[in-house]
Amino acid sequence: MAYFKSKPNSFIKAFIASDAMLYSALNLVNILFAVFVTTEVSGGTIQAATAALTAGVVTRVLTELFAGKKISGLPEAAKLNIITTGMALISISYVGFGLAQSLYPIIVFWLINGVGWGLAQPTKLSLVSKYIKHDQSNQEWGLTDAINMSLVAAAMVAGGFIVANYDFELLFLLAACLNTLGIAPYILYGQLVKQPKLKSSSSGLVLEPVKQTSANHRKFQDH
């Protein structure tokens, strides 16, 4: 028996694949961040680590509130660009953590991280609410969470091994790579929706013609 009553929308598939990598990267960083600050950063303390994390969260909240209204009215293609831009900022922040030697650059990279999450997360969820199939939403959300938690568990084991045997630079590089891979499903989805739609006919499948705009139609009539 199939798990889904009907196939999930292509965007939902992209969302499930991307979120698994997004949250694996996030947990690689967050769980070991206080250890990184207290052992690798000059003058680093638990209070400093929590202050840096707080700066990122506050920036995320402010970005969501101020950017949300402007983003809501944008077309889907623009929203996809915002999602990928936000996730790219998150990846940049992870690379920055590995390069930072003091607390102040780390705070700056948390601010960048907060902007990235503030742009990407609500924009992504607005498209999820558009495309999720409400008669099987439990299955779609359940599969998303199950894959997320499975990869998070694997990432935590990998993170502990990397820190114990190598260094934090490699940990943050891995997080950046995972997060960047999470951008790929949205890029592929964007390319998919740009393809011309196929329309069935008695002679087979044909490309559906692009509708003329009213301006083009008037220009055609003038000739």
Protein backbone atom coordinates (compact mmCIF):
# COMPACT_ATOMS: atom_id res chain seq x y z
CA MET A 1 0.00 0.00 0.00
CA ALA A 2 1.39 3.41 -1.00
CA TYR A 3 2.37 5.77 1.80
CA PHE A 4 0.78 8.73 -0.01
CA LYS A 5 -2.71 8.84 -1.49
CA SER A 6 -1.32 10.87 -4.37
CA LYS A 7 2.15 12.08 -5.33
CA PRO A 8 3.33 15.14 -3.39
CA ASN A 9 3.79 18.34 -5.37
CA SER A 10 7.27 18.88 -6.83
CA PHE A 11 7.88 21.79 -4.48
CA ILE A 12 7.06 19.62 -1.46
CA LYS A 13 9.59 17.05 -2.67
CA ALA A 14 12.20 19.81 -2.98
CA PHE A 15 11.27 21.09 0.48
CA ILE A 16 11.63 17.65 2.10
CA ALA A 17 15.03 17.02 0.51
CA SER A 18 16.33 20.51 1.30
CA ASP A 19 15.12 20.64 4.89
CA ALA A 20 16.92 17.41 5.75
CA MET A 21 20.25 18.98 4.79
CA LEU A 22 19.37 22.39 6.26
CA TYR A 23 18.66 20.99 9.73
CA SER A 24 21.55 18.53 9.65
CA ALA A 25 23.90 21.48 9.09
CA LEU A 26 22.15 23.57 11.75
CA ASN A 27 22.54 20.89 14.40
CA LEU A 28 26.17 20.28 13.51
CA VAL A 29 26.79 23.92 14.39
CA ASN A 30 24.39 24.62 17.26
CA ILE A 31 25.06 21.55 19.38
CA LEU A 32 28.83 22.04 19.44
CA PHE A 33 28.95 25.83 19.20
CA ALA A 34 29.43 26.48 22.94
CA VAL A 35 32.27 23.94 22.99
CA PHE A 36 33.86 25.73 20.03
CA VAL A 37 33.65 29.16 21.67
CA THR A 38 34.98 28.05 25.06
CA THR A 39 37.87 25.99 23.68
CA GLU A 40 38.90 27.65 20.42
CA VAL A 41 38.01 31.36 20.64
CA SER A 42 40.12 33.87 22.51
CA GLY A 43 38.21 35.04 25.59
CA GLY A 44 35.33 32.70 24.78
CA THR A 45 32.88 31.83 27.55
CA ILE A 46 29.48 30.19 27.81
CA GLN A 47 27.95 33.66 28.22
CA ALA A 48 29.71 34.84 25.06
CA ALA A 49 28.45 31.82 23.12
CA THR A 50 24.85 32.39 24.21
CA ALA A 51 25.13 36.12 23.45
CA ALA A 52 26.29 35.36 19.89
CA LEU A 53 23.46 32.87 19.37
CA THR A 54 20.97 35.39 20.77
CA ALA A 55 22.20 38.03 18.33
CA GLY A 56 21.50 35.65 15.47
CA VAL A 57 18.01 34.81 16.72
CA VAL A 58 17.06 38.47 17.23
CA THR A 59 18.30 39.33 13.74
CA ARG A 60 16.25 36.48 12.34
CA VAL A 61 13.09 37.70 14.08
CA LEU A 62 13.56 41.28 12.89
CA THR A 63 14.26 40.15 9.32
CA GLU A 64 11.13 37.98 9.29
CA LEU A 65 8.97 40.84 10.55
CA PHE A 66 10.31 43.60 8.29
CA ALA A 67 10.88 41.57 5.11
CA GLY A 68 7.80 39.34 5.39
CA LYS A 69 5.25 41.88 4.17
CA LYS A 70 7.29 42.82 1.11
CA ILE A 71 8.02 39.20 0.20
CA SER A 72 4.39 38.05 0.49
CA GLY A 73 3.27 39.76 -2.71
CA LEU A 74 6.16 38.57 -4.87
CA PRO A 75 5.76 35.95 -7.63
CA GLU A 76 6.96 32.41 -7.01
CA ALA A 77 10.16 32.79 -9.06
CA ALA A 78 11.21 35.72 -6.88
CA LYS A 79 10.40 33.76 -3.73
CA LEU A 80 12.60 30.90 -4.91
CA ASN A 81 15.45 33.38 -5.41
CA ILE A 82 14.93 34.69 -1.87
CA ILE A 83 15.00 31.15 -0.45
CA THR A 84 18.26 30.33 -2.23
CA THR A 85 19.79 33.69 -1.27
CA GLY A 86 18.86 33.19 2.38
CA MET A 87 20.32 29.69 2.44
CA ALA A 88 23.50 30.95 0.75
CA LEU A 89 23.91 33.50 3.56
CA ILE A 90 23.57 30.69 6.10
CA SER A 91 26.33 28.73 4.32
CA ILE A 92 28.56 31.82 4.31
CA SER A 93 28.08 32.19 8.06
CA TYR A 94 29.14 28.57 8.67
CA VAL A 95 32.32 29.08 6.66
CA GLY A 96 32.92 32.29 8.61
CA PHE A 97 32.74 30.47 11.95
CA GLY A 98 35.58 28.22 10.84
CA LEU A 99 37.72 31.20 9.88
CA ALA A 100 36.97 33.43 12.88
CA GLN A 101 39.60 33.71 15.62
CA SER A 102 37.78 36.06 17.99
CA LEU A 103 34.28 36.68 19.28
CA TYR A 104 33.41 39.80 17.27
CA PRO A 105 33.62 38.17 13.80
CA ILE A 106 31.57 35.28 15.15
CA ILE A 107 28.82 37.69 16.22
CA VAL A 108 28.90 39.28 12.75
CA PHE A 109 28.51 35.87 11.12
CA TRP A 110 25.60 35.07 13.44
CA LEU A 111 23.96 38.30 12.26
CA ILE A 112 24.43 37.12 8.67
CA ASN A 113 23.02 33.74 9.67
CA GLY A 114 19.95 35.41 11.20
CA VAL A 115 19.28 37.41 8.03
CA GLY A 116 19.57 34.22 5.98
CA TRP A 117 17.08 32.32 8.13
CA GLY A 118 14.76 35.33 8.29
CA LEU A 119 14.61 35.54 4.51
CA ALA A 120 14.46 31.84 3.66
CA GLN A 121 12.29 30.24 6.33
CA PRO A 122 8.97 32.15 6.10
CA THR A 123 9.28 32.38 2.31
CA LYS A 124 9.74 28.62 2.08
CA LEU A 125 6.84 27.89 4.42
CA SER A 126 4.53 30.20 2.44
CA LEU A 127 5.07 27.98 -0.60
CA VAL A 128 4.66 24.85 1.50
CA SER A 129 1.23 26.09 2.65
CA LYS A 130 0.34 26.66 -1.00
CA TYR A 131 1.35 23.22 -2.27
CA ILE A 132 0.86 20.83 0.62
CA LYS A 133 -2.05 18.42 0.09
CA HIS A 134 -4.26 18.82 3.12
CA ASP A 135 -5.78 15.34 2.84
CA GLN A 136 -2.31 13.86 3.36
CA SER A 137 -0.57 16.67 5.21
CA ASN A 138 0.23 14.39 8.17
CA GLN A 139 2.14 12.04 5.89
CA GLU A 140 4.03 14.86 4.20
CA TRP A 141 4.97 16.59 7.45
CA GLY A 142 5.66 13.23 9.11
CA LEU A 143 8.05 12.18 6.35
CA THR A 144 9.76 15.57 6.50
CA ASP A 145 10.34 15.29 10.25
CA ALA A 146 11.40 11.63 10.09
CA ILE A 147 14.05 12.33 7.43
CA ASN A 148 15.17 15.49 9.26
CA MET A 149 15.65 13.71 12.58
CA SER A 150 17.38 10.71 10.98
CA LEU A 151 19.95 12.94 9.28
CA VAL A 152 20.28 15.12 12.38
CA ALA A 153 21.17 12.01 14.40
CA ALA A 154 23.75 10.97 11.79
CA ALA A 155 25.14 14.52 11.67
CA MET A 156 25.54 14.65 15.47
CA VAL A 157 27.52 11.40 15.44
CA ALA A 158 29.66 12.68 12.56
CA GLY A 159 30.16 16.03 14.31
CA GLY A 160 31.36 14.41 17.52
CA PHE A 161 33.80 12.25 15.57
CA ILE A 162 35.16 15.20 13.58
CA VAL A 163 35.72 17.38 16.64
CA ALA A 164 37.33 14.53 18.58
CA ASN A 165 39.68 13.50 15.78
CA TYR A 166 40.15 16.56 13.57
CA ASP A 167 39.11 20.18 14.19
CA PHE A 168 36.22 22.63 14.21
CA GLU A 169 37.21 24.08 10.83
CA LEU A 170 36.33 20.76 9.21
CA LEU A 171 33.07 20.65 11.17
CA PHE A 172 31.97 24.07 9.94
CA LEU A 173 33.06 23.26 6.39
CA LEU A 174 30.91 20.12 6.46
CA ALA A 175 27.96 22.16 7.77
CA ALA A 176 28.43 24.71 4.97
CA CYS A 177 28.59 21.94 2.34
CA LEU A 178 25.44 20.25 3.67
CA ASN A 179 23.55 23.53 3.79
CA THR A 180 24.67 24.46 0.27
CA LEU A 181 23.51 21.07 -1.01
CA GLY A 182 20.13 21.99 0.46
CA ILE A 183 19.89 24.81 -2.09
CA ALA A 184 20.04 22.40 -5.04
CA PRO A 185 16.46 21.00 -4.75
CA TYR A 186 15.01 24.53 -5.04
CA ILE A 187 17.18 25.33 -8.06
CA LEU A 188 16.08 22.09 -9.73
CA TYR A 189 12.45 22.86 -8.92
CA GLY A 190 12.83 26.36 -10.37
CA GLN A 191 14.20 24.91 -13.60
CA LEU A 192 11.38 22.36 -13.71
CA VAL A 193 8.60 24.93 -13.48
CA LYS A 194 10.24 27.01 -16.21
CA GLN A 195 9.88 24.16 -18.71
CA PRO A 196 6.97 24.50 -21.20
CA LYS A 197 3.92 22.55 -20.13
CA LEU A 198 2.93 19.46 -22.08
CA LYS A 199 -0.65 19.29 -23.27
CA SER A 200 -2.32 16.07 -24.37
CA SER A 201 -4.01 15.83 -27.76
CA SER A 202 -5.36 13.14 -30.04
CA SER A 203 -2.00 12.97 -31.80
CA GLY A 204 0.02 12.73 -28.59
CA LEU A 205 1.74 15.31 -26.38
CA VAL A 206 2.30 18.81 -27.73
CA LEU A 207 3.82 21.92 -26.22
CA GLU A 208 1.20 24.28 -24.88
CA PRO A 209 1.63 27.66 -26.60
CA VAL A 210 2.42 30.71 -24.52
CA LYS A 211 -0.57 33.00 -24.20
CA GLN A 212 -0.22 36.39 -25.83
CA THR A 213 -0.41 39.41 -23.61
CA SER A 214 -3.07 41.98 -24.33
CA ALA A 215 -0.41 44.36 -25.65
CA ASN A 216 0.88 41.77 -28.09
CA HIS A 217 -2.66 40.94 -29.14
CA ARG A 218 -3.42 44.58 -29.96
CA LYS A 219 -0.17 44.87 -31.88
CA PHE A 220 -1.12 41.81 -33.93
CA GLN A 221 -4.55 43.33 -34.71
CA ASP A 222 -2.95 46.58 -35.86
CA HIS A 223 -1.09 44.64 -38.54
